[in-house]
Amino acid sequence: MSVKDLCHVCGEPASSRCDSCGGAACDSHYDAGSGLCVECEGGRRFS
């Protein structure tokens, strides 16, 4: 993933990509345990 990618939820720099939808996600909107973004996890926000 490029540092230039932005989180599809909030627009901040992304650090990961969702395994389900493929969207770029920042640490606040991505769960490394499940590999899913907050939208694919059903709206749960990660800290």
PDB file of N, CA and C in Angstrom:
ATOM      1  N   MET A   1       0.842  -1.179   0.000  1.00  0.00           N
ATOM      2  CA  MET A   1       0.000   0.000   0.000  1.00  0.00           C
ATOM      3  C   MET A   1       0.878   1.229   0.000  1.00  0.00           C
ATOM      4  N   SER A   2       0.459   2.193  -0.737  1.00  0.00           N
ATOM      5  CA  SER A   2       1.180   3.450  -0.815  1.00  0.00           C
ATOM      6  C   SER A   2       0.796   4.363   0.346  1.00  0.00           C
ATOM      7  N   VAL A   3       1.757   5.139   0.823  1.00  0.00           N
ATOM      8  CA  VAL A   3       1.496   6.113   1.873  1.00  0.00           C
ATOM      9  C   VAL A   3       0.501   7.162   1.378  1.00  0.00           C
ATOM     10  N   LYS A   4       0.388   7.311   0.063  1.00  0.00           N
ATOM     11  CA  LYS A   4      -0.503   8.305  -0.528  1.00  0.00           C
ATOM     12  C   LYS A   4      -1.973   7.899  -0.443  1.00  0.00           C
ATOM     13  N   ASP A   5      -2.253   6.618  -0.144  1.00  0.00           N
ATOM     14  CA  ASP A   5      -3.639   6.167  -0.039  1.00  0.00           C
ATOM     15  C   ASP A   5      -4.306   6.813   1.171  1.00  0.00           C
ATOM     16  N   LEU A   6      -5.570   7.173   1.008  1.00  0.00           N
ATOM     17  CA  LEU A   6      -6.321   7.794   2.088  1.00  0.00           C
ATOM     18  C   LEU A   6      -7.451   6.868   2.537  1.00  0.00           C
ATOM     19  N   CYS A   7      -7.746   6.895   3.811  1.00  0.00           N
ATOM     20  CA  CYS A   7      -8.825   6.106   4.393  1.00  0.00           C
ATOM     21  C   CYS A   7     -10.137   6.457   3.697  1.00  0.00           C
ATOM     22  N   HIS A   8     -10.876   5.448   3.245  1.00  0.00           N
ATOM     23  CA  HIS A   8     -12.142   5.705   2.556  1.00  0.00           C
ATOM     24  C   HIS A   8     -13.253   6.110   3.523  1.00  0.00           C
ATOM     25  N   VAL A   9     -12.997   6.035   4.826  1.00  0.00           N
ATOM     26  CA  VAL A   9     -13.989   6.429   5.828  1.00  0.00           C
ATOM     27  C   VAL A   9     -13.803   7.890   6.236  1.00  0.00           C
ATOM     28  N   CYS A  10     -12.545   8.287   6.553  1.00  0.00           N
ATOM     29  CA  CYS A  10     -12.321   9.627   7.106  1.00  0.00           C
ATOM     30  C   CYS A  10     -11.380  10.509   6.282  1.00  0.00           C
ATOM     31  N   GLY A  11     -10.659   9.933   5.321  1.00  0.00           N
ATOM     32  CA  GLY A  11      -9.766  10.728   4.492  1.00  0.00           C
ATOM     33  C   GLY A  11      -8.364  10.924   5.047  1.00  0.00           C
ATOM     34  N   GLU A  12      -8.080  10.345   6.212  1.00  0.00           N
ATOM     35  CA  GLU A  12      -6.738  10.420   6.794  1.00  0.00           C
ATOM     36  C   GLU A  12      -5.825   9.424   6.071  1.00  0.00           C
ATOM     37  N   PRO A  13      -4.497   9.542   6.226  1.00  0.00           N
ATOM     38  CA  PRO A  13      -3.590   8.582   5.598  1.00  0.00           C
ATOM     39  C   PRO A  13      -3.917   7.148   6.020  1.00  0.00           C
ATOM     40  N   ALA A  14      -3.937   6.253   5.068  1.00  0.00           N
ATOM     41  CA  ALA A  14      -4.290   4.854   5.322  1.00  0.00           C
ATOM     42  C   ALA A  14      -3.055   4.014   5.607  1.00  0.00           C
ATOM     43  N   SER A  15      -3.236   2.997   6.442  1.00  0.00           N
ATOM     44  CA  SER A  15      -2.145   2.094   6.773  1.00  0.00           C
ATOM     45  C   SER A  15      -2.450   0.662   6.367  1.00  0.00           C
ATOM     46  N   SER A  16      -3.693   0.386   6.000  1.00  0.00           N
ATOM     47  CA  SER A  16      -4.106  -0.974   5.671  1.00  0.00           C
ATOM     48  C   SER A  16      -5.173  -0.952   4.590  1.00  0.00           C
ATOM     49  N   ARG A  17      -5.489  -2.151   4.093  1.00  0.00           N
ATOM     50  CA  ARG A  17      -6.544  -2.301   3.102  1.00  0.00           C
ATOM     51  C   ARG A  17      -7.480  -3.417   3.573  1.00  0.00           C
ATOM     52  N   CYS A  18      -8.774  -3.155   3.516  1.00  0.00           N
ATOM     53  CA  CYS A  18      -9.787  -4.106   3.964  1.00  0.00           C
ATOM     54  C   CYS A  18      -9.774  -5.364   3.102  1.00  0.00           C
ATOM     55  N   ASP A  19      -9.804  -6.521   3.758  1.00  0.00           N
ATOM     56  CA  ASP A  19      -9.817  -7.797   3.034  1.00  0.00           C
ATOM     57  C   ASP A  19     -11.142  -8.043   2.318  1.00  0.00           C
ATOM     58  N   SER A  20     -12.203  -7.396   2.768  1.00  0.00           N
ATOM     59  CA  SER A  20     -13.522  -7.623   2.179  1.00  0.00           C
ATOM     60  C   SER A  20     -13.806  -6.682   1.004  1.00  0.00           C
ATOM     61  N   CYS A  21     -13.760  -5.378   1.253  1.00  0.00           N
ATOM     62  CA  CYS A  21     -14.128  -4.410   0.204  1.00  0.00           C
ATOM     63  C   CYS A  21     -12.928  -3.860  -0.557  1.00  0.00           C
ATOM     64  N   GLY A  22     -11.721  -4.036   0.001  1.00  0.00           N
ATOM     65  CA  GLY A  22     -10.518  -3.540  -0.656  1.00  0.00           C
ATOM     66  C   GLY A  22     -10.246  -2.072  -0.423  1.00  0.00           C
ATOM     67  N   GLY A  23     -11.080  -1.413   0.388  1.00  0.00           N
ATOM     68  CA  GLY A  23     -10.900   0.002   0.667  1.00  0.00           C
ATOM     69  C   GLY A  23      -9.710   0.254   1.578  1.00  0.00           C
ATOM     70  N   ALA A  24      -9.010   1.364   1.340  1.00  0.00           N
ATOM     71  CA  ALA A  24      -7.913   1.757   2.206  1.00  0.00           C
ATOM     72  C   ALA A  24      -8.491   2.248   3.525  1.00  0.00           C
ATOM     73  N   ALA A  25      -7.801   1.963   4.641  1.00  0.00           N
ATOM     74  CA  ALA A  25      -8.306   2.356   5.959  1.00  0.00           C
ATOM     75  C   ALA A  25      -7.159   2.745   6.887  1.00  0.00           C
ATOM     76  N   CYS A  26      -7.427   3.749   7.735  1.00  0.00           N
ATOM     77  CA  CYS A  26      -6.458   4.157   8.751  1.00  0.00           C
ATOM     78  C   CYS A  26      -6.586   3.223   9.962  1.00  0.00           C
ATOM     79  N   ASP A  27      -5.693   3.365  10.921  1.00  0.00           N
ATOM     80  CA  ASP A  27      -5.718   2.510  12.104  1.00  0.00           C
ATOM     81  C   ASP A  27      -7.028   2.615  12.876  1.00  0.00           C
ATOM     82  N   SER A  28      -7.658   3.784  12.883  1.00  0.00           N
ATOM     83  CA  SER A  28      -8.909   3.980  13.615  1.00  0.00           C
ATOM     84  C   SER A  28     -10.096   3.286  12.950  1.00  0.00           C
ATOM     85  N   HIS A  29      -9.979   2.987  11.667  1.00  0.00           N
ATOM     86  CA  HIS A  29     -11.092   2.403  10.929  1.00  0.00           C
ATOM     87  C   HIS A  29     -10.769   1.016  10.362  1.00  0.00           C
ATOM     88  N   TYR A  30      -9.781   0.351  10.947  1.00  0.00           N
ATOM     89  CA  TYR A  30      -9.364  -0.973  10.479  1.00  0.00           C
ATOM     90  C   TYR A  30      -9.053  -1.865  11.659  1.00  0.00           C
ATOM     91  N   ASP A  31      -9.535  -3.094  11.622  1.00  0.00           N
ATOM     92  CA  ASP A  31      -9.250  -4.079  12.668  1.00  0.00           C
ATOM     93  C   ASP A  31      -8.309  -5.139  12.103  1.00  0.00           C
ATOM     94  N   ALA A  32      -7.073  -5.118  12.570  1.00  0.00           N
ATOM     95  CA  ALA A  32      -6.067  -6.050  12.056  1.00  0.00           C
ATOM     96  C   ALA A  32      -6.437  -7.502  12.362  1.00  0.00           C
ATOM     97  N   GLY A  33      -7.142  -7.732  13.458  1.00  0.00           N
ATOM     98  CA  GLY A  33      -7.539  -9.086  13.831  1.00  0.00           C
ATOM     99  C   GLY A  33      -8.474  -9.734  12.823  1.00  0.00           C
ATOM    100  N   SER A  34      -9.432  -8.959  12.333  1.00  0.00           N
ATOM    101  CA  SER A  34     -10.396  -9.484  11.366  1.00  0.00           C
ATOM    102  C   SER A  34      -9.987  -9.177   9.933  1.00  0.00           C
ATOM    103  N   GLY A  35      -9.138  -8.154   9.762  1.00  0.00           N
ATOM    104  CA  GLY A  35      -8.737  -7.738   8.426  1.00  0.00           C
ATOM    105  C   GLY A  35      -9.791  -6.902   7.729  1.00  0.00           C
ATOM    106  N   LEU A  36     -10.755  -6.373   8.503  1.00  0.00           N
ATOM    107  CA  LEU A  36     -11.863  -5.624   7.924  1.00  0.00           C
ATOM    108  C   LEU A  36     -11.879  -4.169   8.371  1.00  0.00           C
ATOM    109  N   CYS A  37     -12.430  -3.325   7.504  1.00  0.00           N
ATOM    110  CA  CYS A  37     -12.625  -1.925   7.861  1.00  0.00           C
ATOM    111  C   CYS A  37     -13.882  -1.801   8.717  1.00  0.00           C
ATOM    112  N   VAL A  38     -14.074  -0.624   9.296  1.00  0.00           N
ATOM    113  CA  VAL A  38     -15.215  -0.374  10.172  1.00  0.00           C
ATOM    114  C   VAL A  38     -16.543  -0.560   9.431  1.00  0.00           C
ATOM    115  N   GLU A  39     -16.603  -0.213   8.167  1.00  0.00           N
ATOM    116  CA  GLU A  39     -17.844  -0.365   7.412  1.00  0.00           C
ATOM    117  C   GLU A  39     -18.192  -1.835   7.189  1.00  0.00           C
ATOM    118  N   CYS A  40     -17.205  -2.656   6.898  1.00  0.00           N
ATOM    119  CA  CYS A  40     -17.450  -4.082   6.697  1.00  0.00           C
ATOM    120  C   CYS A  40     -17.687  -4.823   8.015  1.00  0.00           C
ATOM    121  N   GLU A  41     -17.188  -4.279   9.102  1.00  0.00           N
ATOM    122  CA  GLU A  41     -17.402  -4.841  10.433  1.00  0.00           C
ATOM    123  C   GLU A  41     -18.782  -4.460  10.966  1.00  0.00           C
ATOM    124  N   GLY A  42     -19.533  -3.681  10.231  1.00  0.00           N
ATOM    125  CA  GLY A  42     -20.861  -3.321  10.668  1.00  0.00           C
ATOM    126  C   GLY A  42     -20.954  -2.024  11.429  1.00  0.00           C
ATOM    127  N   GLY A  43     -19.990  -1.128  11.223  1.00  0.00           N
ATOM    128  CA  GLY A  43     -20.049   0.190  11.830  1.00  0.00           C
ATOM    129  C   GLY A  43     -19.343   0.319  13.166  1.00  0.00           C
ATOM    130  N   ARG A  44     -18.780  -0.750  13.684  1.00  0.00           N
ATOM    131  CA  ARG A  44     -18.055  -0.667  14.954  1.00  0.00           C
ATOM    132  C   ARG A  44     -16.771   0.130  14.771  1.00  0.00           C
ATOM    133  N   ARG A  45     -16.499   1.074  15.641  1.00  0.00           N
ATOM    134  CA  ARG A  45     -15.288   1.900  15.536  1.00  0.00           C
ATOM    135  C   ARG A  45     -14.191   1.301  16.394  1.00  0.00           C
ATOM    136  N   PHE A  46     -12.989   1.256  15.860  1.00  0.00           N
ATOM    137  CA  PHE A  46     -11.837   0.698  16.556  1.00  0.00           C
ATOM    138  C   PHE A  46     -10.997   1.807  17.149  1.00  0.00           C
ATOM    139  N   SER A  47     -10.316   1.515  18.250  1.00  0.00           N
ATOM    140  CA  SER A  47      -9.432   2.534  18.848  1.00  0.00           C
ATOM    141  C   SER A  47      -8.008   2.066  18.844  1.00  0.00           C
TER     142      SER A  47
END
